[in-house]
Amino acid sequence: QVQLVESGGGLVQPGGSLRLSCVVSVSTFSTYHAGWYRQAPGKQREKVATITRRSGGSTTYAESVKGRFTISRDNSKNSVYLQMDGLKPEDTAVYYCNVDPTLHTLLEEWKSIPSWGQGTQVTVSS
């Protein structure tokens, strides 16, 4: 059973930055691809970014965050990060990470993943 603990959220003004962290409790983290997702109030959860299993791996981003957010990972720390710069009010959401051995699952089938962490709240407001 994979356990996910997200942290780093908070209240930030528009244009500000936050760095989210996700610690993954699994013995073979380097064999898992990883992704960040978010759910805004009253909206469905959406995919934000993904990264393949090796440190410095290939990444994908939602169009709405391209050029502002950066996903990274440190396999020695079983951790995935989301650096968020140029934050906008529409980035307000609960942010979740997840992992899977299959990239396709994180890209296309992530809604079927049964286990999620508690998420971390990001609020962008002046």
Foldseek 3Di string as FASTA:
>chain_A
DKAKDKDWADEAAAQAKIKMKIAIPDDCQLLKKKFKWWDAPPGDIGTAKIADRHFVGDMDGDPVQPPFWDWTADVVRNMIMIIGGRDDQVVWTFMWMDIDSDVCCSVPVVVPDDDTYPTHTHGYHD
